Amino acid sequence: MTTNLTEKEFSKHVGTKFQTAIDEREIQLELTEVKGYLPGENEQHGMERFSVFFEGPGDIKLPQQTLRLQHEQMGEIFLFLVPISVNEKVFRYEAVFNYYK
């Protein structure tokens, strides 16, 4: 089962866990935020633009790459995640979406 990867769909699942694996280690990522972007004055309209943010364990940094994520309701999805910050407890990751509706 796969789901449409829209801002609306991701927003339904803020606070839930996504499973992935790296080097045979199972890792849980929590979807913590969905941020929509309004088009600027000189930007093309009719685009879906948003970012999704995940937090993962602070003891392992996932590389910047496309990862297979599994979610109880959204099913299997593939996202290009970029590590954007770290503190003593969590790494934070972002996936950016920019496509025609």
PDB file of N, CA and C in Angstrom:
ATOM      1  N   MET A   1       0.845  -1.179   0.000  1.00  0.00           N
ATOM      2  CA  MET A   1       0.000   0.000   0.000  1.00  0.00           C
ATOM      3  C   MET A   1       0.892   1.245   0.000  1.00  0.00           C
ATOM      4  N   THR A   2       0.616   2.154  -0.893  1.00  0.00           N
ATOM      5  CA  THR A   2       1.309   3.434  -0.881  1.00  0.00           C
ATOM      6  C   THR A   2       0.270   4.545  -0.824  1.00  0.00           C
ATOM      7  N   THR A   3       0.701   5.684  -0.389  1.00  0.00           N
ATOM      8  CA  THR A   3      -0.175   6.821  -0.171  1.00  0.00           C
ATOM      9  C   THR A   3       0.332   7.997  -0.977  1.00  0.00           C
ATOM     10  N   ASN A   4      -0.574   8.902  -1.347  1.00  0.00           N
ATOM     11  CA  ASN A   4      -0.148  10.142  -1.980  1.00  0.00           C
ATOM     12  C   ASN A   4       0.693  10.935  -0.997  1.00  0.00           C
ATOM     13  N   LEU A   5       1.820  11.416  -1.458  1.00  0.00           N
ATOM     14  CA  LEU A   5       2.733  12.156  -0.600  1.00  0.00           C
ATOM     15  C   LEU A   5       2.419  13.640  -0.701  1.00  0.00           C
ATOM     16  N   THR A   6       1.378  14.053   0.025  1.00  0.00           N
ATOM     17  CA  THR A   6       0.925  15.438   0.005  1.00  0.00           C
ATOM     18  C   THR A   6       1.095  16.048   1.391  1.00  0.00           C
ATOM     19  N   GLU A   7       1.080  17.362   1.441  1.00  0.00           N
ATOM     20  CA  GLU A   7       1.153  18.061   2.721  1.00  0.00           C
ATOM     21  C   GLU A   7      -0.005  17.633   3.621  1.00  0.00           C
ATOM     22  N   LYS A   8      -1.187  17.532   3.053  1.00  0.00           N
ATOM     23  CA  LYS A   8      -2.372  17.148   3.820  1.00  0.00           C
ATOM     24  C   LYS A   8      -2.210  15.747   4.404  1.00  0.00           C
ATOM     25  N   GLU A   9      -1.720  14.818   3.597  1.00  0.00           N
ATOM     26  CA  GLU A   9      -1.568  13.437   4.073  1.00  0.00           C
ATOM     27  C   GLU A   9      -0.529  13.336   5.180  1.00  0.00           C
ATOM     28  N   PHE A  10       0.645  13.937   4.980  1.00  0.00           N
ATOM     29  CA  PHE A  10       1.667  13.901   6.026  1.00  0.00           C
ATOM     30  C   PHE A  10       1.167  14.557   7.312  1.00  0.00           C
ATOM     31  N   SER A  11       0.403  15.641   7.185  1.00  0.00           N
ATOM     32  CA  SER A  11      -0.088  16.364   8.369  1.00  0.00           C
ATOM     33  C   SER A  11      -0.949  15.478   9.262  1.00  0.00           C
ATOM     34  N   LYS A  12      -1.624  14.502   8.678  1.00  0.00           N
ATOM     35  CA  LYS A  12      -2.453  13.578   9.450  1.00  0.00           C
ATOM     36  C   LYS A  12      -1.612  12.702  10.378  1.00  0.00           C
ATOM     37  N   HIS A  13      -0.317  12.576  10.090  1.00  0.00           N
ATOM     38  CA  HIS A  13       0.513  11.597  10.785  1.00  0.00           C
ATOM     39  C   HIS A  13       1.617  12.214  11.647  1.00  0.00           C
ATOM     40  N   VAL A  14       1.532  13.527  11.900  1.00  0.00           N
ATOM     41  CA  VAL A  14       2.502  14.161  12.800  1.00  0.00           C
ATOM     42  C   VAL A  14       2.414  13.480  14.163  1.00  0.00           C
ATOM     43  N   GLY A  15       3.577  13.157  14.725  1.00  0.00           N
ATOM     44  CA  GLY A  15       3.634  12.488  16.018  1.00  0.00           C
ATOM     45  C   GLY A  15       3.694  10.976  15.932  1.00  0.00           C
ATOM     46  N   THR A  16       3.649  10.430  14.710  1.00  0.00           N
ATOM     47  CA  THR A  16       3.706   8.977  14.549  1.00  0.00           C
ATOM     48  C   THR A  16       5.098   8.544  14.101  1.00  0.00           C
ATOM     49  N   LYS A  17       5.333   7.237  14.175  1.00  0.00           N
ATOM     50  CA  LYS A  17       6.651   6.658  13.904  1.00  0.00           C
ATOM     51  C   LYS A  17       6.720   6.045  12.510  1.00  0.00           C
ATOM     52  N   PHE A  18       7.891   6.222  11.898  1.00  0.00           N
ATOM     53  CA  PHE A  18       8.230   5.594  10.634  1.00  0.00           C
ATOM     54  C   PHE A  18       9.440   4.701  10.889  1.00  0.00           C
ATOM     55  N   GLN A  19       9.450   3.525  10.290  1.00  0.00           N
ATOM     56  CA  GLN A  19      10.553   2.576  10.479  1.00  0.00           C
ATOM     57  C   GLN A  19      11.471   2.620   9.258  1.00  0.00           C
ATOM     58  N   THR A  20      12.761   2.545   9.509  1.00  0.00           N
ATOM     59  CA  THR A  20      13.745   2.400   8.446  1.00  0.00           C
ATOM     60  C   THR A  20      14.879   1.537   8.994  1.00  0.00           C
ATOM     61  N   ALA A  21      15.849   1.250   8.169  1.00  0.00           N
ATOM     62  CA  ALA A  21      17.006   0.468   8.623  1.00  0.00           C
ATOM     63  C   ALA A  21      18.244   0.993   7.926  1.00  0.00           C
ATOM     64  N   ILE A  22      19.343   0.961   8.650  1.00  0.00           N
ATOM     65  CA  ILE A  22      20.645   1.325   8.093  1.00  0.00           C
ATOM     66  C   ILE A  22      21.659   0.353   8.683  1.00  0.00           C
ATOM     67  N   ASP A  23      22.473  -0.224   7.829  1.00  0.00           N
ATOM     68  CA  ASP A  23      23.458  -1.220   8.274  1.00  0.00           C
ATOM     69  C   ASP A  23      22.809  -2.279   9.157  1.00  0.00           C
ATOM     70  N   GLU A  24      21.664  -2.765   8.732  1.00  0.00           N
ATOM     71  CA  GLU A  24      20.910  -3.818   9.417  1.00  0.00           C
ATOM     72  C   GLU A  24      20.378  -3.412  10.795  1.00  0.00           C
ATOM     73  N   ARG A  25      20.445  -2.136  11.129  1.00  0.00           N
ATOM     74  CA  ARG A  25      19.882  -1.650  12.393  1.00  0.00           C
ATOM     75  C   ARG A  25      18.527  -1.018  12.117  1.00  0.00           C
ATOM     76  N   GLU A  26      17.518  -1.485  12.822  1.00  0.00           N
ATOM     77  CA  GLU A  26      16.178  -0.902  12.716  1.00  0.00           C
ATOM     78  C   GLU A  26      16.159   0.442  13.445  1.00  0.00           C
ATOM     79  N   ILE A  27      15.597   1.457  12.795  1.00  0.00           N
ATOM     80  CA  ILE A  27      15.572   2.799  13.360  1.00  0.00           C
ATOM     81  C   ILE A  27      14.165   3.357  13.235  1.00  0.00           C
ATOM     82  N   GLN A  28      13.698   3.997  14.305  1.00  0.00           N
ATOM     83  CA  GLN A  28      12.416   4.680  14.283  1.00  0.00           C
ATOM     84  C   GLN A  28      12.657   6.174  14.116  1.00  0.00           C
ATOM     85  N   LEU A  29      11.907   6.756  13.197  1.00  0.00           N
ATOM     86  CA  LEU A  29      11.906   8.204  13.009  1.00  0.00           C
ATOM     87  C   LEU A  29      10.511   8.713  13.326  1.00  0.00           C
ATOM     88  N   GLU A  30      10.434   9.792  14.081  1.00  0.00           N
ATOM     89  CA  GLU A  30       9.136  10.376  14.388  1.00  0.00           C
ATOM     90  C   GLU A  30       8.905  11.587  13.504  1.00  0.00           C
ATOM     91  N   LEU A  31       7.752  11.614  12.848  1.00  0.00           N
ATOM     92  CA  LEU A  31       7.359  12.781  12.057  1.00  0.00           C
ATOM     93  C   LEU A  31       6.949  13.872  13.047  1.00  0.00           C
ATOM     94  N   THR A  32       7.732  14.951  13.090  1.00  0.00           N
ATOM     95  CA  THR A  32       7.507  15.979  14.111  1.00  0.00           C
ATOM     96  C   THR A  32       6.864  17.258  13.574  1.00  0.00           C
ATOM     97  N   GLU A  33       6.984  17.494  12.258  1.00  0.00           N
ATOM     98  CA  GLU A  33       6.472  18.762  11.722  1.00  0.00           C
ATOM     99  C   GLU A  33       6.258  18.640  10.220  1.00  0.00           C
ATOM    100  N   VAL A  34       5.220  19.311   9.740  1.00  0.00           N
ATOM    101  CA  VAL A  34       4.973  19.482   8.303  1.00  0.00           C
ATOM    102  C   VAL A  34       4.823  20.980   8.094  1.00  0.00           C
ATOM    103  N   LYS A  35       5.630  21.521   7.193  1.00  0.00           N
ATOM    104  CA  LYS A  35       5.635  22.971   6.981  1.00  0.00           C
ATOM    105  C   LYS A  35       5.342  23.273   5.512  1.00  0.00           C
ATOM    106  N   GLY A  36       4.223  23.934   5.263  1.00  0.00           N
ATOM    107  CA  GLY A  36       3.859  24.333   3.913  1.00  0.00           C
ATOM    108  C   GLY A  36       4.485  25.662   3.538  1.00  0.00           C
ATOM    109  N   TYR A  37       4.690  25.865   2.245  1.00  0.00           N
ATOM    110  CA  TYR A  37       5.268  27.108   1.744  1.00  0.00           C
ATOM    111  C   TYR A  37       4.299  27.739   0.753  1.00  0.00           C
ATOM    112  N   LEU A  38       4.018  29.015   0.954  1.00  0.00           N
ATOM    113  CA  LEU A  38       3.184  29.740   0.004  1.00  0.00           C
ATOM    114  C   LEU A  38       4.061  30.248  -1.131  1.00  0.00           C
ATOM    115  N   PRO A  39       3.518  30.296  -2.348  1.00  0.00           N
ATOM    116  CA  PRO A  39       4.333  30.787  -3.455  1.00  0.00           C
ATOM    117  C   PRO A  39       4.677  32.265  -3.283  1.00  0.00           C
ATOM    118  N   GLY A  40       5.903  32.607  -3.633  1.00  0.00           N
ATOM    119  CA  GLY A  40       6.337  33.992  -3.612  1.00  0.00           C
ATOM    120  C   GLY A  40       5.752  34.752  -4.779  1.00  0.00           C
ATOM    121  N   GLU A  41       5.911  36.040  -4.759  1.00  0.00           N
ATOM    122  CA  GLU A  41       5.337  36.916  -5.776  1.00  0.00           C
ATOM    123  C   GLU A  41       5.769  36.516  -7.185  1.00  0.00           C
ATOM    124  N   ASN A  42       7.021  36.144  -7.363  1.00  0.00           N
ATOM    125  CA  ASN A  42       7.539  35.817  -8.694  1.00  0.00           C
ATOM    126  C   ASN A  42       7.654  34.315  -8.950  1.00  0.00           C
ATOM    127  N   GLU A  43       7.044  33.508  -8.108  1.00  0.00           N
ATOM    128  CA  GLU A  43       7.121  32.060  -8.279  1.00  0.00           C
ATOM    129  C   GLU A  43       5.910  31.542  -9.033  1.00  0.00           C
ATOM    130  N   GLN A  44       6.089  30.398  -9.639  1.00  0.00           N
ATOM    131  CA  GLN A  44       5.021  29.767 -10.404  1.00  0.00           C
ATOM    132  C   GLN A  44       3.952  29.224  -9.460  1.00  0.00           C
ATOM    133  N   HIS A  45       2.684  29.439  -9.818  1.00  0.00           N
ATOM    134  CA  HIS A  45       1.571  28.946  -9.017  1.00  0.00           C
ATOM    135  C   HIS A  45       1.210  27.538  -9.459  1.00  0.00           C
ATOM    136  N   GLY A  46       0.397  26.854  -8.655  1.00  0.00           N
ATOM    137  CA  GLY A  46      -0.027  25.501  -8.990  1.00  0.00           C
ATOM    138  C   GLY A  46       0.954  24.437  -8.526  1.00  0.00           C
ATOM    139  N   MET A  47       1.868  24.840  -7.641  1.00  0.00           N
ATOM    140  CA  MET A  47       2.870  23.898  -7.138  1.00  0.00           C
ATOM    141  C   MET A  47       2.508  23.480  -5.717  1.00  0.00           C
ATOM    142  N   GLU A  48       2.820  22.246  -5.386  1.00  0.00           N
ATOM    143  CA  GLU A  48       2.738  21.761  -4.007  1.00  0.00           C
ATOM    144  C   GLU A  48       4.144  21.889  -3.449  1.00  0.00           C
ATOM    145  N   ARG A  49       4.298  22.719  -2.404  1.00  0.00           N
ATOM    146  CA  ARG A  49       5.615  22.960  -1.804  1.00  0.00           C
ATOM    147  C   ARG A  49       5.503  22.807  -0.295  1.00  0.00           C
ATOM    148  N   PHE A  50       6.248  21.860   0.245  1.00  0.00           N
ATOM    149  CA  PHE A  50       6.246  21.668   1.688  1.00  0.00           C
ATOM    150  C   PHE A  50       7.459  20.844   2.097  1.00  0.00           C
ATOM    151  N   SER A  51       7.739  20.872   3.383  1.00  0.00           N
ATOM    152  CA  SER A  51       8.797  20.049   3.973  1.00  0.00           C
ATOM    153  C   SER A  51       8.201  19.215   5.092  1.00  0.00           C
ATOM    154  N   VAL A  52       8.777  18.043   5.281  1.00  0.00           N
ATOM    155  CA  VAL A  52       8.437  17.218   6.435  1.00  0.00           C
ATOM    156  C   VAL A  52       9.709  17.033   7.252  1.00  0.00           C
ATOM    157  N   PHE A  53       9.550  17.044   8.562  1.00  0.00           N
ATOM    158  CA  PHE A  53      10.685  16.947   9.474  1.00  0.00           C
ATOM    159  C   PHE A  53      10.520  15.726  10.372  1.00  0.00           C
ATOM    160  N   PHE A  54      11.614  15.002  10.522  1.00  0.00           N
ATOM    161  CA  PHE A  54      11.645  13.806  11.360  1.00  0.00           C
ATOM    162  C   PHE A  54      12.728  13.957  12.413  1.00  0.00           C
ATOM    163  N   GLU A  55      12.531  13.272  13.538  1.00  0.00           N
ATOM    164  CA  GLU A  55      13.577  13.157  14.544  1.00  0.00           C
ATOM    165  C   GLU A  55      13.894  11.689  14.742  1.00  0.00           C
ATOM    166  N   GLY A  56      15.209  11.412  14.852  1.00  0.00           N
ATOM    167  CA  GLY A  56      15.667  10.051  15.055  1.00  0.00           C
ATOM    168  C   GLY A  56      16.651   9.991  16.200  1.00  0.00           C
ATOM    169  N   PRO A  57      17.110   8.796  16.541  1.00  0.00           N
ATOM    170  CA  PRO A  57      18.013   8.639  17.680  1.00  0.00           C
ATOM    171  C   PRO A  57      19.289   9.460  17.530  1.00  0.00           C
ATOM    172  N   GLY A  58      19.782   9.972  18.650  1.00  0.00           N
ATOM    173  CA  GLY A  58      20.970  10.811  18.645  1.00  0.00           C
ATOM    174  C   GLY A  58      22.273  10.051  18.560  1.00  0.00           C
ATOM    175  N   ASP A  59      22.201   8.720  18.643  1.00  0.00           N
ATOM    176  CA  ASP A  59      23.433   7.935  18.617  1.00  0.00           C
ATOM    177  C   ASP A  59      23.811   7.416  17.232  1.00  0.00           C
ATOM    178  N   ILE A  60      22.973   7.689  16.224  1.00  0.00           N
ATOM    179  CA  ILE A  60      23.299   7.291  14.851  1.00  0.00           C
ATOM    180  C   ILE A  60      22.789   8.360  13.893  1.00  0.00           C
ATOM    181  N   LYS A  61      23.673   8.796  13.002  1.00  0.00           N
ATOM    182  CA  LYS A  61      23.307   9.808  12.000  1.00  0.00           C
ATOM    183  C   LYS A  61      23.055   9.095  10.683  1.00  0.00           C
ATOM    184  N   LEU A  62      21.836   9.233  10.193  1.00  0.00           N
ATOM    185  CA  LEU A  62      21.518   8.662   8.889  1.00  0.00           C
ATOM    186  C   LEU A  62      22.168   9.518   7.810  1.00  0.00           C
ATOM    187  N   PRO A  63      22.732   8.892   6.786  1.00  0.00           N
ATOM    188  CA  PRO A  63      23.355   9.669   5.721  1.00  0.00           C
ATOM    189  C   PRO A  63      22.306  10.371   4.864  1.00  0.00           C
ATOM    190  N   GLN A  64      22.729  11.407   4.181  1.00  0.00           N
ATOM    191  CA  GLN A  64      21.853  12.104   3.234  1.00  0.00           C
ATOM    192  C   GLN A  64      21.651  11.170   2.056  1.00  0.00           C
ATOM    193  N   GLN A  65      20.455  10.624   1.941  1.00  0.00           N
ATOM    194  CA  GLN A  65      20.165   9.685   0.859  1.00  0.00           C
ATOM    195  C   GLN A  65      18.680   9.356   0.844  1.00  0.00           C
ATOM    196  N   THR A  66      18.258   8.632  -0.164  1.00  0.00           N
ATOM    197  CA  THR A  66      16.890   8.146  -0.230  1.00  0.00           C
ATOM    198  C   THR A  66      16.780   6.914   0.658  1.00  0.00           C
ATOM    199  N   LEU A  67      15.816   6.946   1.550  1.00  0.00           N
ATOM    200  CA  LEU A  67      15.601   5.848   2.478  1.00  0.00           C
ATOM    201  C   LEU A  67      14.211   5.268   2.289  1.00  0.00           C
ATOM    202  N   ARG A  68      14.115   3.975   2.491  1.00  0.00           N
ATOM    203  CA  ARG A  68      12.824   3.284   2.493  1.00  0.00           C
ATOM    204  C   ARG A  68      12.254   3.422   3.901  1.00  0.00           C
ATOM    205  N   LEU A  69      11.059   4.021   3.993  1.00  0.00           N
ATOM    206  CA  LEU A  69      10.378   4.183   5.271  1.00  0.00           C
ATOM    207  C   LEU A  69       9.095   3.366   5.245  1.00  0.00           C
ATOM    208  N   GLN A  70       8.771   2.787   6.368  1.00  0.00           N
ATOM    209  CA  GLN A  70       7.540   2.020   6.508  1.00  0.00           C
ATOM    210  C   GLN A  70       6.699   2.671   7.596  1.00  0.00           C
ATOM    211  N   HIS A  71       5.421   2.877   7.281  1.00  0.00           N
ATOM    212  CA  HIS A  71       4.503   3.504   8.233  1.00  0.00           C
ATOM    213  C   HIS A  71       3.232   2.677   8.298  1.00  0.00           C
ATOM    214  N   GLU A  72       2.681   2.578   9.502  1.00  0.00           N
ATOM    215  CA  GLU A  72       1.495   1.759   9.728  1.00  0.00           C
ATOM    216  C   GLU A  72       0.337   2.121   8.804  1.00  0.00           C
ATOM    217  N   GLN A  73       0.104   3.406   8.563  1.00  0.00           N
ATOM    218  CA  GLN A  73      -1.029   3.825   7.733  1.00  0.00           C
ATOM    219  C   GLN A  73      -0.621   4.272   6.329  1.00  0.00           C
ATOM    220  N   MET A  74       0.558   4.887   6.187  1.00  0.00           N
ATOM    221  CA  MET A  74       0.982   5.381   4.870  1.00  0.00           C
ATOM    222  C   MET A  74       1.639   4.287   4.026  1.00  0.00           C
ATOM    223  N   GLY A  75       2.017   3.194   4.659  1.00  0.00           N
ATOM    224  CA  GLY A  75       2.646   2.101   3.926  1.00  0.00           C
ATOM    225  C   GLY A  75       4.120   2.366   3.683  1.00  0.00           C
ATOM    226  N   GLU A  76       4.631   1.811   2.603  1.00  0.00           N
ATOM    227  CA  GLU A  76       6.045   1.955   2.240  1.00  0.00           C
ATOM    228  C   GLU A  76       6.231   3.184   1.359  1.00  0.00           C
ATOM    229  N   ILE A  77       7.161   4.049   1.764  1.00  0.00           N
ATOM    230  CA  ILE A  77       7.475   5.231   0.968  1.00  0.00           C
ATOM    231  C   ILE A  77       8.993   5.381   0.906  1.00  0.00           C
ATOM    232  N   PHE A  78       9.451   6.064  -0.102  1.00  0.00           N
ATOM    233  CA  PHE A  78      10.871   6.355  -0.263  1.00  0.00           C
ATOM    234  C   PHE A  78      11.045   7.864  -0.234  1.00  0.00           C
ATOM    235  N   LEU A  79      11.886   8.347   0.697  1.00  0.00           N
ATOM    236  CA  LEU A  79      12.116   9.785   0.838  1.00  0.00           C
ATOM    237  C   LEU A  79      13.603  10.073   0.841  1.00  0.00           C
ATOM    238  N   PHE A  80      13.966  11.192   0.217  1.00  0.00           N
ATOM    239  CA  PHE A  80      15.335  11.697   0.285  1.00  0.00           C
ATOM    240  C   PHE A  80      15.425  12.547   1.541  1.00  0.00           C
ATOM    241  N   LEU A  81      16.093  12.022   2.561  1.00  0.00           N
ATOM    242  CA  LEU A  81      16.217  12.723   3.838  1.00  0.00           C
ATOM    243  C   LEU A  81      17.586  13.363   3.966  1.00  0.00           C
ATOM    244  N   VAL A  82      17.584  14.570   4.516  1.00  0.00           N
ATOM    245  CA  VAL A  82      18.811  15.330   4.736  1.00  0.00           C
ATOM    246  C   VAL A  82      18.926  15.616   6.232  1.00  0.00           C
ATOM    247  N   PRO A  83      20.052  15.219   6.859  1.00  0.00           N
ATOM    248  CA  PRO A  83      20.244  15.590   8.254  1.00  0.00           C
ATOM    249  C   PRO A  83      20.450  17.101   8.353  1.00  0.00           C
ATOM    250  N   ILE A  84      19.683  17.763   9.244  1.00  0.00           N
ATOM    251  CA  ILE A  84      19.769  19.224   9.311  1.00  0.00           C
ATOM    252  C   ILE A  84      20.239  19.742  10.660  1.00  0.00           C
ATOM    253  N   SER A  85      20.125  18.925  11.718  1.00  0.00           N
ATOM    254  CA  SER A  85      20.609  19.375  13.024  1.00  0.00           C
ATOM    255  C   SER A  85      20.739  18.189  13.964  1.00  0.00           C
ATOM    256  N   VAL A  86      21.435  18.435  15.072  1.00  0.00           N
ATOM    257  CA  VAL A  86      21.603  17.413  16.102  1.00  0.00           C
ATOM    258  C   VAL A  86      21.705  18.108  17.452  1.00  0.00           C
ATOM    259  N   ASN A  87      21.186  17.447  18.469  1.00  0.00           N
ATOM    260  CA  ASN A  87      21.455  17.865  19.839  1.00  0.00           C
ATOM    261  C   ASN A  87      21.845  16.607  20.602  1.00  0.00           C
ATOM    262  N   GLU A  88      21.888  16.671  21.912  1.00  0.00           N
ATOM    263  CA  GLU A  88      22.364  15.522  22.676  1.00  0.00           C
ATOM    264  C   GLU A  88      21.449  14.309  22.599  1.00  0.00           C
ATOM    265  N   LYS A  89      20.206  14.501  22.142  1.00  0.00           N
ATOM    266  CA  LYS A  89      19.242  13.401  22.150  1.00  0.00           C
ATOM    267  C   LYS A  89      18.783  12.934  20.777  1.00  0.00           C
ATOM    268  N   VAL A  90      18.727  13.834  19.795  1.00  0.00           N
ATOM    269  CA  VAL A  90      18.132  13.458  18.501  1.00  0.00           C
ATOM    270  C   VAL A  90      18.851  14.113  17.319  1.00  0.00           C
ATOM    271  N   PHE A  91      18.799  13.399  16.194  1.00  0.00           N
ATOM    272  CA  PHE A  91      19.123  13.990  14.905  1.00  0.00           C
ATOM    273  C   PHE A  91      17.808  14.412  14.275  1.00  0.00           C
ATOM    274  N   ARG A  92      17.828  15.536  13.571  1.00  0.00           N
ATOM    275  CA  ARG A  92      16.638  16.044  12.875  1.00  0.00           C
ATOM    276  C   ARG A  92      16.897  15.963  11.376  1.00  0.00           C
ATOM    277  N   TYR A  93      15.878  15.515  10.635  1.00  0.00           N
ATOM    278  CA  TYR A  93      15.992  15.304   9.194  1.00  0.00           C
ATOM    279  C   TYR A  93      14.856  16.039   8.481  1.00  0.00           C
ATOM    280  N   GLU A  94      15.126  16.413   7.222  1.00  0.00           N
ATOM    281  CA  GLU A  94      14.118  17.104   6.412  1.00  0.00           C
ATOM    282  C   GLU A  94      14.011  16.449   5.048  1.00  0.00           C
ATOM    283  N   ALA A  95      12.782  16.358   4.556  1.00  0.00           N
ATOM    284  CA  ALA A  95      12.504  15.974   3.176  1.00  0.00           C
ATOM    285  C   ALA A  95      11.695  17.108   2.563  1.00  0.00           C
ATOM    286  N   VAL A  96      12.109  17.586   1.397  1.00  0.00           N
ATOM    287  CA  VAL A  96      11.472  18.730   0.737  1.00  0.00           C
ATOM    288  C   VAL A  96      10.690  18.231  -0.470  1.00  0.00           C
ATOM    289  N   PHE A  97       9.469  18.728  -0.610  1.00  0.00           N
ATOM    290  CA  PHE A  97       8.607  18.386  -1.743  1.00  0.00           C
ATOM    291  C   PHE A  97       8.328  19.650  -2.540  1.00  0.00           C
ATOM    292  N   ASN A  98       8.396  19.530  -3.855  1.00  0.00           N
ATOM    293  CA  ASN A  98       8.154  20.654  -4.747  1.00  0.00           C
ATOM    294  C   ASN A  98       7.719  20.079  -6.092  1.00  0.00           C
ATOM    295  N   TYR A  99       6.406  20.059  -6.343  1.00  0.00           N
ATOM    296  CA  TYR A  99       5.904  19.444  -7.578  1.00  0.00           C
ATOM    297  C   TYR A  99       4.572  20.096  -7.980  1.00  0.00           C
ATOM    298  N   TYR A 100       4.196  19.876  -9.255  1.00  0.00           N
ATOM    299  CA  TYR A 100       2.918  20.390  -9.745  1.00  0.00           C
ATOM    300  C   TYR A 100       1.782  19.574  -9.160  1.00  0.00           C
ATOM    301  N   LYS A 101       0.729  20.271  -8.766  1.00  0.00           N
ATOM    302  CA  LYS A 101      -0.476  19.588  -8.235  1.00  0.00           C
ATOM    303  C   LYS A 101      -1.213  18.899  -9.363  1.00  0.00           C
TER     304      LYS A 101
END
